[in-house]
């Protein structure tokens, strides 16, 4: 968290029974980052909360990509990923 600054967005994924979430968010804000709390994480067992928060996180990612003028379905780094992820013959 110490590398955060005013240009960053921290997406908080709270879980049921997480007593430290408020402290973690305050630390991120103190570094200058904007903090958004994704809904859905506290609706399930903490072990699956990332899954229940995924729809909101995905929607935010797509909205931010579109706002920035990026093609959310074809990011600029995808060709590099495919080069490393696929075996070349």
PDB file of N, CA and C in Angstrom:
ATOM      1  N   UNK A   1       0.794  -1.198   0.000  1.00  0.00           N
ATOM      2  CA  UNK A   1       0.000   0.000   0.000  1.00  0.00           C
ATOM      3  C   UNK A   1       0.841   1.269   0.000  1.00  0.00           C
ATOM      4  N   UNK A   2       2.092   1.182   0.361  1.00  0.00           N
ATOM      5  CA  UNK A   2       2.914   2.385   0.449  1.00  0.00           C
ATOM      6  C   UNK A   2       3.236   2.964  -0.919  1.00  0.00           C
ATOM      7  N   UNK A   3       3.030   2.210  -1.986  1.00  0.00           N
ATOM      8  CA  UNK A   3       3.305   2.720  -3.323  1.00  0.00           C
ATOM      9  C   UNK A   3       2.116   3.465  -3.905  1.00  0.00           C
ATOM     10  N   UNK A   4       1.005   3.509  -3.214  1.00  0.00           N
ATOM     11  CA  UNK A   4      -0.172   4.203  -3.708  1.00  0.00           C
ATOM     12  C   UNK A   4       0.034   5.706  -3.705  1.00  0.00           C
ATOM     13  N   UNK A   5      -0.604   6.368  -4.669  1.00  0.00           N
ATOM     14  CA  UNK A   5      -0.572   7.824  -4.695  1.00  0.00           C
ATOM     15  C   UNK A   5      -1.886   8.339  -5.259  1.00  0.00           C
ATOM     16  N   UNK A   6      -1.983   9.640  -5.486  1.00  0.00           N
ATOM     17  CA  UNK A   6      -3.229  10.265  -5.913  1.00  0.00           C
ATOM     18  C   UNK A   6      -3.695   9.811  -7.300  1.00  0.00           C
ATOM     19  N   UNK A   7      -2.836   9.187  -8.070  1.00  0.00           N
ATOM     20  CA  UNK A   7      -3.217   8.689  -9.390  1.00  0.00           C
ATOM     21  C   UNK A   7      -3.832   7.292  -9.341  1.00  0.00           C
ATOM     22  N   UNK A   8      -3.917   6.691  -8.166  1.00  0.00           N
ATOM     23  CA  UNK A   8      -4.362   5.304  -8.038  1.00  0.00           C
ATOM     24  C   UNK A   8      -5.774   5.179  -7.490  1.00  0.00           C
ATOM     25  N   UNK A   9      -6.397   4.093  -7.870  1.00  0.00           N
ATOM     26  CA  UNK A   9      -7.695   3.708  -7.346  1.00  0.00           C
ATOM     27  C   UNK A   9      -7.516   2.380  -6.631  1.00  0.00           C
ATOM     28  N   UNK A  10      -7.918   2.309  -5.377  1.00  0.00           N
ATOM     29  CA  UNK A  10      -7.861   1.060  -4.620  1.00  0.00           C
ATOM     30  C   UNK A  10      -9.276   0.502  -4.535  1.00  0.00           C
ATOM     31  N   UNK A  11      -9.457  -0.702  -5.013  1.00  0.00           N
ATOM     32  CA  UNK A  11     -10.752  -1.357  -4.950  1.00  0.00           C
ATOM     33  C   UNK A  11     -10.762  -2.268  -3.734  1.00  0.00           C
ATOM     34  N   UNK A  12     -11.597  -1.944  -2.782  1.00  0.00           N
ATOM     35  CA  UNK A  12     -11.674  -2.685  -1.527  1.00  0.00           C
ATOM     36  C   UNK A  12     -12.665  -3.833  -1.673  1.00  0.00           C
ATOM     37  N   UNK A  13     -12.241  -5.020  -1.269  1.00  0.00           N
ATOM     38  CA  UNK A  13     -13.102  -6.202  -1.316  1.00  0.00           C
ATOM     39  C   UNK A  13     -13.355  -6.687   0.116  1.00  0.00           C
ATOM     40  N   UNK A  14     -14.293  -6.064   0.808  1.00  0.00           N
ATOM     41  CA  UNK A  14     -14.528  -6.444   2.193  1.00  0.00           C
ATOM     42  C   UNK A  14     -15.125  -7.846   2.302  1.00  0.00           C
ATOM     43  N   UNK A  15     -14.799  -8.504   3.387  1.00  0.00           N
ATOM     44  CA  UNK A  15     -15.335  -9.837   3.638  1.00  0.00           C
ATOM     45  C   UNK A  15     -16.068  -9.848   4.968  1.00  0.00           C
ATOM     46  N   UNK A  16     -16.933 -10.788   5.129  1.00  0.00           N
ATOM     47  CA  UNK A  16     -17.702 -10.940   6.356  1.00  0.00           C
ATOM     48  C   UNK A  16     -16.752 -11.145   7.526  1.00  0.00           C
ATOM     49  N   UNK A  17     -16.889 -10.333   8.546  1.00  0.00           N
ATOM     50  CA  UNK A  17     -16.062 -10.480   9.736  1.00  0.00           C
ATOM     51  C   UNK A  17     -14.671  -9.892   9.618  1.00  0.00           C
ATOM     52  N   UNK A  18     -14.423  -9.060   8.605  1.00  0.00           N
ATOM     53  CA  UNK A  18     -13.105  -8.449   8.424  1.00  0.00           C
ATOM     54  C   UNK A  18     -13.036  -7.174   9.255  1.00  0.00           C
ATOM     55  N   UNK A  19     -12.417  -7.270  10.416  1.00  0.00           N
ATOM     56  CA  UNK A  19     -12.339  -6.135  11.324  1.00  0.00           C
ATOM     57  C   UNK A  19     -11.317  -5.095  10.889  1.00  0.00           C
ATOM     58  N   UNK A  20     -10.468  -5.417   9.945  1.00  0.00           N
ATOM     59  CA  UNK A  20      -9.387  -4.514   9.544  1.00  0.00           C
ATOM     60  C   UNK A  20      -9.671  -3.766   8.251  1.00  0.00           C
ATOM     61  N   UNK A  21     -10.852  -3.959   7.649  1.00  0.00           N
ATOM     62  CA  UNK A  21     -11.136  -3.351   6.353  1.00  0.00           C
ATOM     63  C   UNK A  21     -11.126  -1.827   6.425  1.00  0.00           C
ATOM     64  N   UNK A  22     -11.691  -1.271   7.471  1.00  0.00           N
ATOM     65  CA  UNK A  22     -11.737   0.191   7.599  1.00  0.00           C
ATOM     66  C   UNK A  22     -10.324   0.748   7.739  1.00  0.00           C
ATOM     67  N   UNK A  23      -9.494   0.081   8.536  1.00  0.00           N
ATOM     68  CA  UNK A  23      -8.113   0.525   8.707  1.00  0.00           C
ATOM     69  C   UNK A  23      -7.353   0.463   7.379  1.00  0.00           C
ATOM     70  N   UNK A  24      -7.536  -0.619   6.637  1.00  0.00           N
ATOM     71  CA  UNK A  24      -6.849  -0.763   5.349  1.00  0.00           C
ATOM     72  C   UNK A  24      -7.274   0.332   4.374  1.00  0.00           C
ATOM     73  N   UNK A  25      -8.567   0.624   4.342  1.00  0.00           N
ATOM     74  CA  UNK A  25      -9.056   1.678   3.451  1.00  0.00           C
ATOM     75  C   UNK A  25      -8.504   3.048   3.869  1.00  0.00           C
ATOM     76  N   UNK A  26      -8.437   3.297   5.163  1.00  0.00           N
ATOM     77  CA  UNK A  26      -7.892   4.566   5.657  1.00  0.00           C
ATOM     78  C   UNK A  26      -6.415   4.721   5.292  1.00  0.00           C
ATOM     79  N   UNK A  27      -5.673   3.634   5.345  1.00  0.00           N
ATOM     80  CA  UNK A  27      -4.258   3.682   4.960  1.00  0.00           C
ATOM     81  C   UNK A  27      -4.132   4.028   3.476  1.00  0.00           C
ATOM     82  N   UNK A  28      -4.968   3.426   2.646  1.00  0.00           N
ATOM     83  CA  UNK A  28      -4.937   3.724   1.213  1.00  0.00           C
ATOM     84  C   UNK A  28      -5.282   5.190   0.963  1.00  0.00           C
ATOM     85  N   UNK A  29      -6.308   5.681   1.637  1.00  0.00           N
ATOM     86  CA  UNK A  29      -6.687   7.092   1.477  1.00  0.00           C
ATOM     87  C   UNK A  29      -5.579   8.026   1.959  1.00  0.00           C
ATOM     88  N   UNK A  30      -4.914   7.663   3.052  1.00  0.00           N
ATOM     89  CA  UNK A  30      -3.837   8.496   3.592  1.00  0.00           C
ATOM     90  C   UNK A  30      -2.681   8.631   2.604  1.00  0.00           C
ATOM     91  N   UNK A  31      -2.522   7.663   1.712  1.00  0.00           N
ATOM     92  CA  UNK A  31      -1.471   7.730   0.689  1.00  0.00           C
ATOM     93  C   UNK A  31      -1.933   8.539  -0.519  1.00  0.00           C
ATOM     94  N   UNK A  32      -3.199   8.957  -0.526  1.00  0.00           N
ATOM     95  CA  UNK A  32      -3.733   9.777  -1.610  1.00  0.00           C
ATOM     96  C   UNK A  32      -4.632   9.049  -2.580  1.00  0.00           C
ATOM     97  N   UNK A  33      -4.725   7.740  -2.478  1.00  0.00           N
ATOM     98  CA  UNK A  33      -5.528   6.963  -3.421  1.00  0.00           C
ATOM     99  C   UNK A  33      -7.020   7.154  -3.164  1.00  0.00           C
ATOM    100  N   UNK A  34      -7.775   7.049  -4.234  1.00  0.00           N
ATOM    101  CA  UNK A  34      -9.229   6.991  -4.111  1.00  0.00           C
ATOM    102  C   UNK A  34      -9.581   5.555  -3.760  1.00  0.00           C
ATOM    103  N   UNK A  35     -10.550   5.361  -2.884  1.00  0.00           N
ATOM    104  CA  UNK A  35     -10.929   4.017  -2.449  1.00  0.00           C
ATOM    105  C   UNK A  35     -12.399   3.779  -2.749  1.00  0.00           C
ATOM    106  N   UNK A  36     -12.680   2.685  -3.431  1.00  0.00           N
ATOM    107  CA  UNK A  36     -14.046   2.243  -3.675  1.00  0.00           C
ATOM    108  C   UNK A  36     -14.226   0.878  -3.040  1.00  0.00           C
ATOM    109  N   UNK A  37     -15.344   0.696  -2.381  1.00  0.00           N
ATOM    110  CA  UNK A  37     -15.646  -0.599  -1.774  1.00  0.00           C
ATOM    111  C   UNK A  37     -16.595  -1.351  -2.694  1.00  0.00           C
ATOM    112  N   UNK A  38     -16.152  -2.500  -3.188  1.00  0.00           N
ATOM    113  CA  UNK A  38     -16.978  -3.316  -4.078  1.00  0.00           C
ATOM    114  C   UNK A  38     -18.066  -4.011  -3.272  1.00  0.00           C
ATOM    115  N   UNK A  39     -19.290  -3.976  -3.777  1.00  0.00           N
ATOM    116  CA  UNK A  39     -20.361  -4.690  -3.073  1.00  0.00           C
ATOM    117  C   UNK A  39     -20.288  -6.186  -3.328  1.00  0.00           C
ATOM    118  N   UNK A  40     -20.892  -6.948  -2.459  1.00  0.00           N
ATOM    119  CA  UNK A  40     -21.014  -8.387  -2.656  1.00  0.00           C
ATOM    120  C   UNK A  40     -20.099  -9.225  -1.804  1.00  0.00           C
ATOM    121  N   UNK A  41     -19.012  -8.673  -1.294  1.00  0.00           N
ATOM    122  CA  UNK A  41     -18.050  -9.464  -0.547  1.00  0.00           C
ATOM    123  C   UNK A  41     -18.544  -9.954   0.795  1.00  0.00           C
ATOM    124  N   UNK A  42     -19.402  -9.170   1.443  1.00  0.00           N
ATOM    125  CA  UNK A  42     -19.862  -9.568   2.777  1.00  0.00           C
ATOM    126  C   UNK A  42     -21.106 -10.446   2.731  1.00  0.00           C
ATOM    127  N   UNK A  43     -21.528 -10.807   1.534  1.00  0.00           N
ATOM    128  CA  UNK A  43     -22.744 -11.609   1.394  1.00  0.00           C
ATOM    129  C   UNK A  43     -22.500 -13.105   1.501  1.00  0.00           C
ATOM    130  N   UNK A  44     -21.271 -13.510   1.604  1.00  0.00           N
ATOM    131  CA  UNK A  44     -20.969 -14.945   1.600  1.00  0.00           C
ATOM    132  C   UNK A  44     -19.830 -15.250   2.558  1.00  0.00           C
ATOM    133  N   UNK A  45     -19.545 -16.492   2.690  1.00  0.00           N
ATOM    134  CA  UNK A  45     -18.407 -16.957   3.472  1.00  0.00           C
ATOM    135  C   UNK A  45     -17.146 -16.248   2.976  1.00  0.00           C
ATOM    136  N   UNK A  46     -16.280 -15.793   3.887  1.00  0.00           N
ATOM    137  CA  UNK A  46     -15.069 -15.065   3.479  1.00  0.00           C
ATOM    138  C   UNK A  46     -14.201 -15.806   2.461  1.00  0.00           C
ATOM    139  N   UNK A  47     -14.266 -17.114   2.448  1.00  0.00           N
ATOM    140  CA  UNK A  47     -13.439 -17.872   1.504  1.00  0.00           C
ATOM    141  C   UNK A  47     -13.904 -17.713   0.063  1.00  0.00           C
ATOM    142  N   UNK A  48     -15.156 -17.334  -0.135  1.00  0.00           N
ATOM    143  CA  UNK A  48     -15.662 -17.155  -1.500  1.00  0.00           C
ATOM    144  C   UNK A  48     -16.038 -15.703  -1.789  1.00  0.00           C
ATOM    145  N   UNK A  49     -15.735 -14.797  -0.883  1.00  0.00           N
ATOM    146  CA  UNK A  49     -16.115 -13.395  -1.091  1.00  0.00           C
ATOM    147  C   UNK A  49     -15.508 -12.780  -2.351  1.00  0.00           C
ATOM    148  N   UNK A  50     -14.283 -13.156  -2.763  1.00  0.00           N
ATOM    149  CA  UNK A  50     -13.803 -12.602  -4.035  1.00  0.00           C
ATOM    150  C   UNK A  50     -14.704 -12.979  -5.215  1.00  0.00           C
ATOM    151  N   UNK A  51     -15.309 -14.147  -5.149  1.00  0.00           N
ATOM    152  CA  UNK A  51     -16.206 -14.575  -6.220  1.00  0.00           C
ATOM    153  C   UNK A  51     -17.489 -13.754  -6.197  1.00  0.00           C
ATOM    154  N   UNK A  52     -18.034 -13.495  -4.996  1.00  0.00           N
ATOM    155  CA  UNK A  52     -19.280 -12.738  -4.917  1.00  0.00           C
ATOM    156  C   UNK A  52     -19.065 -11.259  -5.228  1.00  0.00           C
ATOM    157  N   UNK A  53     -17.849 -10.759  -5.074  1.00  0.00           N
ATOM    158  CA  UNK A  53     -17.539  -9.361  -5.409  1.00  0.00           C
ATOM    159  C   UNK A  53     -17.103  -9.213  -6.862  1.00  0.00           C
ATOM    160  N   UNK A  54     -16.886 -10.317  -7.561  1.00  0.00           N
ATOM    161  CA  UNK A  54     -16.382 -10.264  -8.936  1.00  0.00           C
ATOM    162  C   UNK A  54     -17.285  -9.499  -9.899  1.00  0.00           C
ATOM    163  N   UNK A  55     -18.619  -9.706  -9.881  1.00  0.00           N
ATOM    164  CA  UNK A  55     -19.449  -8.970 -10.850  1.00  0.00           C
ATOM    165  C   UNK A  55     -19.292  -7.454 -10.745  1.00  0.00           C
ATOM    166  N   UNK A  56     -19.283  -6.920  -9.534  1.00  0.00           N
ATOM    167  CA  UNK A  56     -19.122  -5.470  -9.365  1.00  0.00           C
ATOM    168  C   UNK A  56     -17.731  -5.025  -9.802  1.00  0.00           C
ATOM    169  N   UNK A  57     -16.725  -5.820  -9.494  1.00  0.00           N
ATOM    170  CA  UNK A  57     -15.348  -5.482  -9.882  1.00  0.00           C
ATOM    171  C   UNK A  57     -15.202  -5.472 -11.398  1.00  0.00           C
ATOM    172  N   UNK A  58     -15.791  -6.437 -12.055  1.00  0.00           N
ATOM    173  CA  UNK A  58     -15.740  -6.512 -13.513  1.00  0.00           C
ATOM    174  C   UNK A  58     -16.466  -5.329 -14.145  1.00  0.00           C
ATOM    175  N   UNK A  59     -17.651  -5.011 -13.623  1.00  0.00           N
ATOM    176  CA  UNK A  59     -18.413  -3.876 -14.153  1.00  0.00           C
ATOM    177  C   UNK A  59     -17.617  -2.581 -14.016  1.00  0.00           C
ATOM    178  N   UNK A  60     -16.960  -2.395 -12.888  1.00  0.00           N
ATOM    179  CA  UNK A  60     -16.138  -1.201 -12.687  1.00  0.00           C
ATOM    180  C   UNK A  60     -14.981  -1.174 -13.678  1.00  0.00           C
ATOM    181  N   UNK A  61     -14.327  -2.299 -13.879  1.00  0.00           N
ATOM    182  CA  UNK A  61     -13.194  -2.366 -14.804  1.00  0.00           C
ATOM    183  C   UNK A  61     -13.610  -2.000 -16.225  1.00  0.00           C
ATOM    184  N   UNK A  62     -14.730  -2.525 -16.662  1.00  0.00           N
ATOM    185  CA  UNK A  62     -15.211  -2.228 -18.010  1.00  0.00           C
ATOM    186  C   UNK A  62     -15.607  -0.761 -18.129  1.00  0.00           C
ATOM    187  N   UNK A  63     -16.304  -0.231 -17.115  1.00  0.00           N
ATOM    188  CA  UNK A  63     -16.717   1.172 -17.145  1.00  0.00           C
ATOM    189  C   UNK A  63     -15.501   2.102 -17.201  1.00  0.00           C
ATOM    190  N   UNK A  64     -14.478   1.802 -16.420  1.00  0.00           N
ATOM    191  CA  UNK A  64     -13.265   2.631 -16.436  1.00  0.00           C
ATOM    192  C   UNK A  64     -12.533   2.528 -17.768  1.00  0.00           C
ATOM    193  N   UNK A  65     -12.494   1.340 -18.342  1.00  0.00           N
ATOM    194  CA  UNK A  65     -11.840   1.160 -19.644  1.00  0.00           C
ATOM    195  C   UNK A  65     -12.567   1.952 -20.724  1.00  0.00           C
ATOM    196  N   UNK A  66     -13.878   1.866 -20.733  1.00  0.00           N
ATOM    197  CA  UNK A  66     -14.652   2.596 -21.733  1.00  0.00           C
ATOM    198  C   UNK A  66     -14.510   4.103 -21.555  1.00  0.00           C
ATOM    199  N   UNK A  67     -14.514   4.553 -20.308  1.00  0.00           N
ATOM    200  CA  UNK A  67     -14.354   5.983 -20.036  1.00  0.00           C
ATOM    201  C   UNK A  67     -13.004   6.495 -20.539  1.00  0.00           C
ATOM    202  N   UNK A  68     -11.989   5.647 -20.447  1.00  0.00           N
ATOM    203  CA  UNK A  68     -10.646   6.032 -20.901  1.00  0.00           C
ATOM    204  C   UNK A  68     -10.471   5.875 -22.414  1.00  0.00           C
ATOM    205  N   UNK A  69     -11.502   5.351 -23.093  1.00  0.00           N
ATOM    206  CA  UNK A  69     -11.411   5.171 -24.534  1.00  0.00           C
ATOM    207  C   UNK A  69     -10.716   3.885 -24.946  1.00  0.00           C
ATOM    208  N   UNK A  70     -10.575   2.968 -24.016  1.00  0.00           N
ATOM    209  CA  UNK A  70      -9.922   1.690 -24.321  1.00  0.00           C
ATOM    210  C   UNK A  70     -10.954   0.682 -24.798  1.00  0.00           C
ATOM    211  N   UNK A  71     -10.497  -0.281 -25.555  1.00  0.00           N
ATOM    212  CA  UNK A  71     -11.347  -1.389 -25.977  1.00  0.00           C
ATOM    213  C   UNK A  71     -11.245  -2.469 -24.907  1.00  0.00           C
ATOM    214  N   UNK A  72     -12.277  -2.568 -24.079  1.00  0.00           N
ATOM    215  CA  UNK A  72     -12.247  -3.507 -22.953  1.00  0.00           C
ATOM    216  C   UNK A  72     -12.170  -4.965 -23.410  1.00  0.00           C
ATOM    217  N   UNK A  73     -12.594  -5.232 -24.647  1.00  0.00           N
ATOM    218  CA  UNK A  73     -12.545  -6.594 -25.166  1.00  0.00           C
ATOM    219  C   UNK A  73     -11.240  -6.922 -25.874  1.00  0.00           C
ATOM    220  N   UNK A  74     -10.418  -5.907 -26.103  1.00  0.00           N
ATOM    221  CA  UNK A  74      -9.163  -6.124 -26.811  1.00  0.00           C
ATOM    222  C   UNK A  74      -8.099  -5.160 -26.268  1.00  0.00           C
ATOM    223  N   UNK A  75      -7.643  -5.391 -25.033  1.00  0.00           N
ATOM    224  CA  UNK A  75      -6.655  -4.474 -24.453  1.00  0.00           C
ATOM    225  C   UNK A  75      -5.337  -4.523 -25.220  1.00  0.00           C
ATOM    226  N   UNK A  76      -4.575  -3.431 -25.132  1.00  0.00           N
ATOM    227  CA  UNK A  76      -3.339  -3.318 -25.913  1.00  0.00           C
ATOM    228  C   UNK A  76      -2.298  -4.355 -25.527  1.00  0.00           C
ATOM    229  N   UNK A  77      -2.381  -4.913 -24.330  1.00  0.00           N
ATOM    230  CA  UNK A  77      -1.385  -5.883 -23.880  1.00  0.00           C
ATOM    231  C   UNK A  77      -1.739  -7.324 -24.264  1.00  0.00           C
ATOM    232  N   UNK A  78      -2.893  -7.540 -24.900  1.00  0.00           N
ATOM    233  CA  UNK A  78      -3.361  -8.910 -25.134  1.00  0.00           C
ATOM    234  C   UNK A  78      -2.434  -9.691 -26.067  1.00  0.00           C
ATOM    235  N   UNK A  79      -1.847  -9.039 -27.055  1.00  0.00           N
ATOM    236  CA  UNK A  79      -0.958  -9.773 -27.973  1.00  0.00           C
ATOM    237  C   UNK A  79       0.292 -10.263 -27.237  1.00  0.00           C
ATOM    238  N   UNK A  80       0.795  -9.474 -26.314  1.00  0.00           N
ATOM    239  CA  UNK A  80       1.954  -9.901 -25.519  1.00  0.00           C
ATOM    240  C   UNK A  80       1.571 -11.089 -24.639  1.00  0.00           C
ATOM    241  N   UNK A  81       0.381 -11.024 -24.048  1.00  0.00           N
ATOM    242  CA  UNK A  81      -0.090 -12.138 -23.222  1.00  0.00           C
ATOM    243  C   UNK A  81      -0.188 -13.421 -24.043  1.00  0.00           C
ATOM    244  N   UNK A  82      -0.799 -13.329 -25.226  1.00  0.00           N
ATOM    245  CA  UNK A  82      -0.938 -14.520 -26.059  1.00  0.00           C
ATOM    246  C   UNK A  82       0.410 -15.074 -26.507  1.00  0.00           C
ATOM    247  N   UNK A  83       1.371 -14.221 -26.706  1.00  0.00           N
ATOM    248  CA  UNK A  83       2.714 -14.686 -27.079  1.00  0.00           C
ATOM    249  C   UNK A  83       3.311 -15.536 -25.985  1.00  0.00           C
ATOM    250  N   UNK A  84       3.092 -15.158 -24.747  1.00  0.00           N
ATOM    251  CA  UNK A  84       3.666 -15.920 -23.631  1.00  0.00           C
ATOM    252  C   UNK A  84       2.776 -17.069 -23.182  1.00  0.00           C
ATOM    253  N   UNK A  85       1.471 -16.967 -23.420  1.00  0.00           N
ATOM    254  CA  UNK A  85       0.547 -17.981 -22.927  1.00  0.00           C
ATOM    255  C   UNK A  85       0.346 -19.142 -23.887  1.00  0.00           C
ATOM    256  N   UNK A  86       0.641 -18.933 -25.138  1.00  0.00           N
ATOM    257  CA  UNK A  86       0.446 -19.996 -26.142  1.00  0.00           C
ATOM    258  C   UNK A  86       1.784 -20.519 -26.624  1.00  0.00           C
ATOM    259  N   UNK A  87       1.805 -21.795 -26.846  1.00  0.00           N
ATOM    260  CA  UNK A  87       3.019 -22.391 -27.392  1.00  0.00           C
ATOM    261  C   UNK A  87       3.139 -22.046 -28.860  1.00  0.00           C
ATOM    262  N   UNK A  88       4.259 -21.513 -29.218  1.00  0.00           N
ATOM    263  CA  UNK A  88       4.494 -21.171 -30.620  1.00  0.00           C
ATOM    264  C   UNK A  88       5.126 -22.354 -31.348  1.00  0.00           C
ATOM    265  N   UNK A  89       4.627 -22.634 -32.572  1.00  0.00           N
ATOM    266  CA  UNK A  89       5.206 -23.729 -33.329  1.00  0.00           C
ATOM    267  C   UNK A  89       6.123 -23.236 -34.407  1.00  0.00           C
TER     268      UNK A  89
END
